[in-house]
N, C-alpha and C. Protein backbone atom coordinates (compact mmCIF):
# COMPACT_ATOMS: atom_id res chain seq x y z
N MET A 1 3.93 42.35 21.85
CA MET A 1 3.41 41.19 21.07
C MET A 1 3.36 40.16 21.85
N ASN A 2 2.35 39.25 21.57
CA ASN A 2 2.07 38.10 22.57
C ASN A 2 2.87 36.85 21.98
N ASN A 3 3.83 36.69 22.96
CA ASN A 3 4.69 35.67 22.66
C ASN A 3 4.12 34.50 23.54
N GLY A 4 4.68 33.18 22.80
CA GLY A 4 3.83 31.87 23.64
C GLY A 4 4.85 31.64 24.84
N LYS A 5 4.65 30.58 25.36
CA LYS A 5 5.07 29.96 26.47
C LYS A 5 6.58 29.67 26.05
N THR A 6 7.37 29.75 27.30
CA THR A 6 8.94 29.27 26.97
C THR A 6 8.76 28.30 27.52
N VAL A 7 10.26 27.11 27.58
CA VAL A 7 10.49 26.23 27.84
C VAL A 7 9.97 25.92 29.43
N GLU A 8 10.52 27.19 30.37
CA GLU A 8 9.96 26.93 31.55
C GLU A 8 8.63 26.93 32.10
N GLU A 9 7.97 27.76 31.23
CA GLU A 9 6.63 28.00 31.42
C GLU A 9 5.89 26.54 31.10
N LEU A 10 6.22 25.73 30.39
CA LEU A 10 5.42 24.42 30.24
C LEU A 10 5.76 23.56 30.77
N LYS A 11 4.74 22.50 30.88
CA LYS A 11 4.82 21.30 31.71
C LYS A 11 4.58 19.98 31.14
N VAL A 12 5.06 18.98 31.14
CA VAL A 12 4.55 17.77 30.50
C VAL A 12 2.89 17.45 30.87
N GLY A 13 2.48 17.41 29.98
CA GLY A 13 0.77 16.95 30.11
C GLY A 13 0.06 18.32 29.51
N ASP A 14 0.34 19.38 29.30
CA ASP A 14 0.10 20.58 28.67
C ASP A 14 -0.43 20.24 27.52
N LYS A 15 -1.81 20.69 27.08
CA LYS A 15 -2.28 20.31 25.82
C LYS A 15 -3.39 21.49 25.46
N ALA A 16 -3.44 21.32 23.87
CA ALA A 16 -4.10 22.12 23.43
C ALA A 16 -4.69 21.64 21.83
N SER A 17 -5.54 22.38 21.51
CA SER A 17 -6.14 21.70 20.13
C SER A 17 -6.69 22.80 19.33
N PHE A 18 -6.90 22.38 17.88
CA PHE A 18 -7.49 23.41 17.07
C PHE A 18 -8.50 22.68 16.05
N THR A 19 -9.72 23.22 15.73
CA THR A 19 -10.71 22.18 15.01
C THR A 19 -11.02 23.20 13.55
N LYS A 20 -11.30 22.68 12.81
CA LYS A 20 -11.69 22.98 11.33
C LYS A 20 -12.07 22.27 10.50
N THR A 21 -13.24 22.53 9.84
CA THR A 21 -13.81 21.55 8.63
C THR A 21 -13.21 21.56 7.23
N ILE A 22 -12.86 20.47 7.02
CA ILE A 22 -11.98 20.59 5.73
C ILE A 22 -13.10 21.00 4.34
N THR A 23 -12.81 21.70 3.52
CA THR A 23 -13.84 22.20 2.43
C THR A 23 -13.12 21.63 0.91
N GLU A 24 -13.91 21.82 0.06
CA GLU A 24 -13.53 21.61 -0.91
C GLU A 24 -12.47 22.77 -1.52
N THR A 25 -12.93 23.99 -1.13
CA THR A 25 -12.12 25.08 -1.21
C THR A 25 -10.60 24.93 -0.79
N ASP A 26 -10.83 24.50 0.67
CA ASP A 26 -9.43 24.52 1.06
C ASP A 26 -8.21 23.36 0.31
N VAL A 27 -8.95 22.31 -0.24
CA VAL A 27 -8.37 21.43 -1.12
C VAL A 27 -7.69 22.05 -2.40
N TYR A 28 -8.84 22.80 -2.79
CA TYR A 28 -8.30 23.40 -4.35
C TYR A 28 -7.01 24.41 -3.83
N ASN A 29 -7.29 25.35 -2.58
CA ASN A 29 -6.22 26.17 -2.49
C ASN A 29 -5.05 25.69 -2.23
N TYR A 30 -5.16 24.64 -1.29
CA TYR A 30 -3.70 23.97 -1.27
C TYR A 30 -2.93 23.32 -2.65
N ALA A 31 -4.02 22.72 -3.52
CA ALA A 31 -3.44 22.17 -4.93
C ALA A 31 -2.93 23.29 -5.31
N GLY A 32 -3.13 24.26 -5.48
CA GLY A 32 -2.85 25.66 -6.12
C GLY A 32 -1.55 26.38 -5.79
N VAL A 33 -1.45 26.21 -4.29
CA VAL A 33 -0.34 26.72 -3.63
C VAL A 33 1.16 25.80 -3.68
N THR A 34 0.42 24.37 -3.73
CA THR A 34 1.59 23.38 -3.52
C THR A 34 1.79 22.85 -5.07
N GLY A 35 0.85 22.77 -5.91
CA GLY A 35 1.00 22.30 -7.17
C GLY A 35 0.75 20.67 -7.06
N ASP A 36 0.28 20.25 -6.16
CA ASP A 36 -0.07 18.98 -6.05
C ASP A 36 -1.76 18.63 -6.43
N PHE A 37 -1.62 18.30 -7.64
CA PHE A 37 -2.93 18.29 -8.49
C PHE A 37 -3.19 16.78 -8.61
N ASN A 38 -2.79 15.94 -7.56
CA ASN A 38 -3.06 14.49 -7.46
C ASN A 38 -4.57 14.31 -7.98
N PRO A 39 -5.16 13.64 -8.82
CA PRO A 39 -6.39 13.31 -9.21
C PRO A 39 -7.23 12.77 -8.05
N ALA A 40 -6.57 12.10 -7.05
CA ALA A 40 -7.27 11.71 -5.69
C ALA A 40 -7.88 12.57 -5.07
N HIS A 41 -7.35 14.12 -5.39
CA HIS A 41 -7.91 15.10 -4.56
C HIS A 41 -8.91 16.12 -5.34
N ILE A 42 -8.54 15.97 -6.67
CA ILE A 42 -9.38 17.08 -7.43
C ILE A 42 -10.26 16.48 -8.43
N ASN A 43 -10.08 15.19 -8.69
CA ASN A 43 -11.12 14.74 -9.89
C ASN A 43 -11.94 13.44 -9.49
N GLU A 44 -13.12 14.02 -9.15
CA GLU A 44 -14.33 13.12 -8.61
C GLU A 44 -14.13 11.86 -9.63
N SER A 45 -14.25 11.86 -10.71
CA SER A 45 -14.47 10.70 -11.56
C SER A 45 -13.26 9.68 -11.47
N PHE A 46 -12.22 10.31 -11.27
CA PHE A 46 -10.86 9.28 -10.81
C PHE A 46 -11.01 8.74 -9.65
N ALA A 47 -11.38 9.94 -8.50
CA ALA A 47 -11.48 9.33 -7.43
C ALA A 47 -12.19 8.21 -6.52
N LYS A 48 -13.47 8.35 -7.58
CA LYS A 48 -14.45 7.32 -7.15
C LYS A 48 -14.12 6.13 -7.41
N ASP A 49 -13.03 5.60 -8.19
CA ASP A 49 -12.51 4.32 -8.46
C ASP A 49 -11.45 4.01 -7.81
N THR A 50 -11.04 5.00 -6.74
CA THR A 50 -9.88 4.37 -5.85
C THR A 50 -10.54 3.64 -4.48
N MET A 51 -9.54 3.37 -3.69
CA MET A 51 -10.05 2.27 -2.49
C MET A 51 -10.96 3.24 -1.52
N PHE A 52 -10.49 4.67 -1.69
CA PHE A 52 -11.56 5.48 -1.05
C PHE A 52 -12.98 6.08 -1.30
N LYS A 53 -13.14 5.64 -2.70
CA LYS A 53 -14.61 5.75 -3.36
C LYS A 53 -15.05 7.46 -3.48
N GLY A 54 -14.05 8.16 -3.45
CA GLY A 54 -14.32 9.68 -3.51
C GLY A 54 -12.77 10.35 -3.41
N ARG A 55 -13.02 11.74 -3.54
CA ARG A 55 -11.81 12.82 -3.16
C ARG A 55 -11.59 12.81 -1.99
N ILE A 56 -10.40 12.65 -1.86
CA ILE A 56 -9.77 12.83 0.03
C ILE A 56 -9.01 14.31 -0.47
N ALA A 57 -8.86 14.71 1.17
CA ALA A 57 -8.08 15.89 1.16
C ALA A 57 -6.50 15.41 1.22
N HIS A 58 -5.57 16.52 0.75
CA HIS A 58 -4.16 16.22 0.93
C HIS A 58 -3.91 16.15 2.66
N GLY A 59 -3.31 14.82 2.77
CA GLY A 59 -2.85 14.45 4.36
C GLY A 59 -2.37 15.87 4.93
N MET A 60 -1.33 16.69 3.99
CA MET A 60 -0.72 17.64 4.75
C MET A 60 -1.71 18.67 5.11
N ILE A 61 -2.92 18.77 4.55
CA ILE A 61 -3.86 19.85 5.26
C ILE A 61 -4.10 19.47 6.62
N ALA A 62 -4.42 18.43 6.96
CA ALA A 62 -4.33 17.89 8.56
C ALA A 62 -3.37 18.12 9.33
N ALA A 63 -2.12 17.86 8.69
CA ALA A 63 -0.88 17.96 9.15
C ALA A 63 -0.61 19.69 9.44
N GLY A 64 -1.02 20.25 8.46
CA GLY A 64 -1.05 21.65 8.92
C GLY A 64 -1.73 22.28 10.05
N LEU A 65 -2.75 21.87 10.41
CA LEU A 65 -3.60 22.04 11.65
C LEU A 65 -2.67 21.87 13.12
N ILE A 66 -1.77 20.89 12.85
CA ILE A 66 -0.74 20.95 13.95
C ILE A 66 -0.06 22.10 13.95
N SER A 67 0.63 22.45 13.02
CA SER A 67 1.24 23.73 12.84
C SER A 67 0.39 24.79 13.55
N THR A 68 -0.96 25.05 13.09
CA THR A 68 -1.62 26.14 13.68
C THR A 68 -1.68 26.02 15.00
N VAL A 69 -1.86 25.07 15.70
CA VAL A 69 -2.03 24.62 17.27
C VAL A 69 -0.66 25.22 17.75
N LEU A 70 0.41 24.62 17.35
CA LEU A 70 1.75 24.94 17.88
C LEU A 70 2.16 26.21 17.66
N GLY A 71 1.92 27.20 16.63
CA GLY A 71 2.15 28.42 16.55
C GLY A 71 1.38 29.57 17.08
N THR A 72 0.03 29.22 17.51
CA THR A 72 -0.78 29.99 17.95
C THR A 72 -1.52 29.72 19.35
N ARG A 73 -1.08 28.50 19.86
CA ARG A 73 -1.90 28.11 21.15
C ARG A 73 -0.69 27.30 22.14
N LEU A 74 -0.09 26.17 21.61
CA LEU A 74 0.73 25.67 22.56
C LEU A 74 1.96 25.31 22.06
N PRO A 75 3.14 25.69 21.84
CA PRO A 75 3.53 26.58 22.83
C PRO A 75 3.22 27.80 22.51
N GLY A 76 2.69 28.50 21.21
CA GLY A 76 2.52 29.61 20.88
C GLY A 76 3.35 30.52 19.95
N PRO A 77 3.06 31.69 19.83
CA PRO A 77 3.61 32.60 19.02
C PRO A 77 5.16 32.62 19.38
N GLY A 78 6.06 32.66 18.14
CA GLY A 78 7.52 32.90 18.89
C GLY A 78 8.12 31.42 18.65
N CYS A 79 7.40 30.33 18.67
CA CYS A 79 8.09 29.10 18.55
C CYS A 79 8.82 28.51 17.16
N ILE A 80 9.61 27.85 17.43
CA ILE A 80 10.30 27.35 15.87
C ILE A 80 10.30 26.04 15.90
N TYR A 81 9.37 25.53 14.57
CA TYR A 81 9.10 23.96 14.17
C TYR A 81 10.68 23.35 13.97
N VAL A 82 11.00 22.64 14.77
CA VAL A 82 12.60 21.73 14.32
C VAL A 82 12.04 20.50 13.59
N SER A 83 11.31 19.74 14.25
CA SER A 83 10.82 18.50 13.36
C SER A 83 9.36 18.19 13.60
N GLN A 84 8.79 17.19 12.57
CA GLN A 84 7.71 16.39 12.92
C GLN A 84 7.86 15.19 12.18
N ASP A 85 7.21 14.24 12.62
CA ASP A 85 7.06 12.67 12.48
C ASP A 85 5.48 12.70 12.02
N LEU A 86 5.14 11.82 11.04
CA LEU A 86 3.73 11.71 10.73
C LEU A 86 3.53 10.46 10.25
N LYS A 87 2.19 9.65 10.86
CA LYS A 87 2.03 8.57 10.31
C LYS A 87 0.32 9.12 9.97
N PHE A 88 0.14 8.85 8.48
CA PHE A 88 -1.29 9.04 8.05
C PHE A 88 -2.04 7.80 8.34
N THR A 89 -3.24 7.84 8.92
CA THR A 89 -3.84 6.32 9.47
C THR A 89 -5.20 6.11 8.77
N ALA A 90 -5.81 7.42 8.36
CA ALA A 90 -7.12 7.30 7.66
C ALA A 90 -7.28 8.53 6.79
N PRO A 91 -8.22 8.52 5.89
CA PRO A 91 -8.35 9.53 5.01
C PRO A 91 -9.12 10.63 5.47
N VAL A 92 -8.91 11.73 4.99
CA VAL A 92 -9.75 12.69 5.24
C VAL A 92 -10.66 13.21 3.96
N TYR A 93 -11.92 13.11 4.16
CA TYR A 93 -12.88 13.52 3.02
C TYR A 93 -13.40 14.90 3.34
N PHE A 94 -13.87 15.39 1.95
CA PHE A 94 -14.20 16.69 2.14
C PHE A 94 -15.30 16.82 3.11
N GLY A 95 -15.57 17.89 3.64
CA GLY A 95 -16.65 18.12 5.01
C GLY A 95 -16.24 17.57 6.28
N ASP A 96 -15.15 16.75 6.31
CA ASP A 96 -14.36 16.31 7.63
C ASP A 96 -14.16 17.47 8.82
N THR A 97 -14.42 17.07 9.78
CA THR A 97 -14.18 18.09 10.89
C THR A 97 -12.89 17.78 11.56
N ILE A 98 -11.84 18.38 11.57
CA ILE A 98 -10.52 17.60 11.91
C ILE A 98 -10.22 18.66 13.07
N THR A 99 -10.01 17.80 14.04
CA THR A 99 -9.37 18.34 15.50
C THR A 99 -7.93 17.87 15.47
N ALA A 100 -6.98 18.90 15.47
CA ALA A 100 -5.65 18.69 15.86
C ALA A 100 -5.35 18.90 17.17
N THR A 101 -4.54 17.92 18.12
CA THR A 101 -4.39 18.03 19.55
C THR A 101 -2.87 17.95 19.62
N VAL A 102 -2.09 18.86 20.48
CA VAL A 102 -0.60 18.52 20.70
C VAL A 102 -0.82 18.20 22.44
N GLU A 103 0.15 17.45 22.71
CA GLU A 103 0.39 17.24 24.25
C GLU A 103 1.91 17.35 24.33
N VAL A 104 2.37 18.05 25.32
CA VAL A 104 3.65 18.17 25.73
C VAL A 104 3.99 16.87 26.47
N GLU A 105 5.04 16.15 25.67
CA GLU A 105 5.48 14.79 26.28
C GLU A 105 7.05 15.16 27.03
N LYS A 106 7.93 15.86 26.56
CA LYS A 106 9.09 15.89 27.20
C LYS A 106 9.80 17.56 26.85
N LEU A 107 10.51 17.84 28.16
CA LEU A 107 11.03 18.82 28.17
C LEU A 107 12.49 19.09 28.44
N ASN A 108 13.19 19.86 27.48
CA ASN A 108 14.76 19.96 27.67
C ASN A 108 14.95 21.23 27.72
N VAL A 109 14.95 21.85 29.08
CA VAL A 109 15.34 23.20 29.42
C VAL A 109 16.56 23.73 28.99
N GLU A 110 17.66 23.12 29.19
CA GLU A 110 19.05 23.14 28.81
C GLU A 110 19.14 23.40 27.32
N LYS A 111 18.46 22.74 26.54
CA LYS A 111 18.36 22.80 25.02
C LYS A 111 17.32 23.88 24.02
N ASN A 112 16.56 24.47 25.52
CA ASN A 112 15.28 24.75 24.84
C ASN A 112 14.33 24.28 23.63
N ARG A 113 14.32 22.93 24.15
CA ARG A 113 13.33 22.17 23.21
C ARG A 113 12.35 21.53 24.21
N VAL A 114 11.23 21.23 23.13
CA VAL A 114 10.00 20.62 23.53
C VAL A 114 9.47 19.49 22.86
N ILE A 115 9.07 18.24 23.37
CA ILE A 115 8.65 17.33 22.23
C ILE A 115 7.19 17.25 22.60
N LEU A 116 6.46 17.05 21.75
CA LEU A 116 4.97 16.91 21.58
C LEU A 116 4.43 15.82 20.95
N ASN A 117 3.41 15.24 21.51
CA ASN A 117 2.76 14.26 20.69
C ASN A 117 1.70 15.09 19.93
N THR A 118 1.44 14.49 18.64
CA THR A 118 0.45 15.41 17.84
C THR A 118 -0.27 14.13 17.32
N VAL A 119 -1.82 14.58 17.24
CA VAL A 119 -2.58 13.68 16.88
C VAL A 119 -3.86 14.64 16.10
N CYS A 120 -4.31 14.00 14.83
CA CYS A 120 -5.27 14.69 14.25
C CYS A 120 -6.53 13.54 14.11
N THR A 121 -7.89 14.18 14.87
CA THR A 121 -8.93 13.19 14.59
C THR A 121 -10.04 13.81 13.73
N ASN A 122 -11.01 12.87 13.40
CA ASN A 122 -12.07 13.52 12.57
C ASN A 122 -13.15 13.86 13.45
N GLN A 123 -14.43 14.00 12.92
CA GLN A 123 -15.53 14.33 13.78
C GLN A 123 -16.14 12.77 14.63
N LYS A 124 -15.66 11.82 13.83
CA LYS A 124 -16.18 10.45 14.44
C LYS A 124 -15.13 10.03 15.47
N GLU A 125 -14.22 10.89 15.96
CA GLU A 125 -13.24 10.47 16.84
C GLU A 125 -12.20 9.51 16.07
N ASN A 126 -11.83 9.39 14.95
CA ASN A 126 -11.18 8.27 14.35
C ASN A 126 -9.96 8.87 14.20
N VAL A 127 -8.75 8.71 14.52
CA VAL A 127 -7.30 9.11 14.21
C VAL A 127 -7.06 8.91 12.69
N VAL A 128 -6.68 9.99 12.18
CA VAL A 128 -6.56 10.30 10.94
C VAL A 128 -4.72 10.59 10.60
N LEU A 129 -4.04 10.84 11.64
CA LEU A 129 -2.70 11.14 11.49
C LEU A 129 -2.24 11.19 13.01
N LYS A 130 -0.98 10.68 13.34
CA LYS A 130 -0.41 10.86 14.57
C LYS A 130 1.09 10.96 14.39
N GLY A 131 1.66 11.56 15.25
CA GLY A 131 3.29 11.80 15.30
C GLY A 131 3.69 12.36 16.54
N GLN A 132 4.99 13.04 16.27
CA GLN A 132 5.57 13.67 17.33
C GLN A 132 6.17 15.15 16.55
N ALA A 133 6.31 16.16 17.23
CA ALA A 133 6.92 17.33 16.92
C ALA A 133 8.08 17.74 18.10
N GLU A 134 9.27 18.43 17.49
CA GLU A 134 9.99 18.83 18.34
C GLU A 134 10.00 20.33 18.10
N LEU A 135 10.01 21.13 19.06
CA LEU A 135 10.04 22.70 18.81
C LEU A 135 10.99 23.23 19.61
N MET A 136 11.64 24.49 19.35
CA MET A 136 12.02 25.39 20.37
C MET A 136 11.17 26.74 20.52
N PRO A 137 10.55 26.45 21.69
CA PRO A 137 9.78 27.45 22.36
C PRO A 137 10.26 28.83 22.10
N THR A 138 9.20 29.64 22.54
CA THR A 138 9.84 31.20 22.36
C THR A 138 10.64 31.42 23.43
N VAL A 139 11.72 32.57 23.46
CA VAL A 139 12.73 32.93 24.51
C VAL A 139 12.14 34.43 24.89
N LYS A 140 11.87 34.76 26.10
CA LYS A 140 11.60 35.89 26.73
C LYS A 140 12.64 36.61 26.90
N ASP A 141 12.73 38.05 26.63
CA ASP A 141 13.62 38.99 26.72
C ASP A 141 14.06 38.95 28.63
N LYS A 142 15.26 39.10 28.48
CA LYS A 142 15.59 39.32 29.98
C LYS A 142 15.61 40.74 30.36
């Protein structure tokens, strides 16, 4: 099994990212899985009269891309998400290409914890969400 990095293998400033274009199918799949059928996401005639002038993706879809980076790239497989704070700063529209980036900010070797800055940007490099995550990196067998 390919485990991710341990807290001892990480260093402040380590970065990783993941990029995905958000599709209408992604939005409908998310609505189906979560039950969140807010018309701002699925009803164009409703959404065109909102401040966004059209349908927007669920904010948690972009937030989920952070989880992708953490669980597959940095620290990688085997890590456990402890907490995440988020601030949604701009809408994600259907067809936007979102890049989720994480960067190690602080390490606590004794408690096996890592704090990472998390940010998602769109194809125009506008920040659509930002926050901070706390994780327990994988532990290698001795």
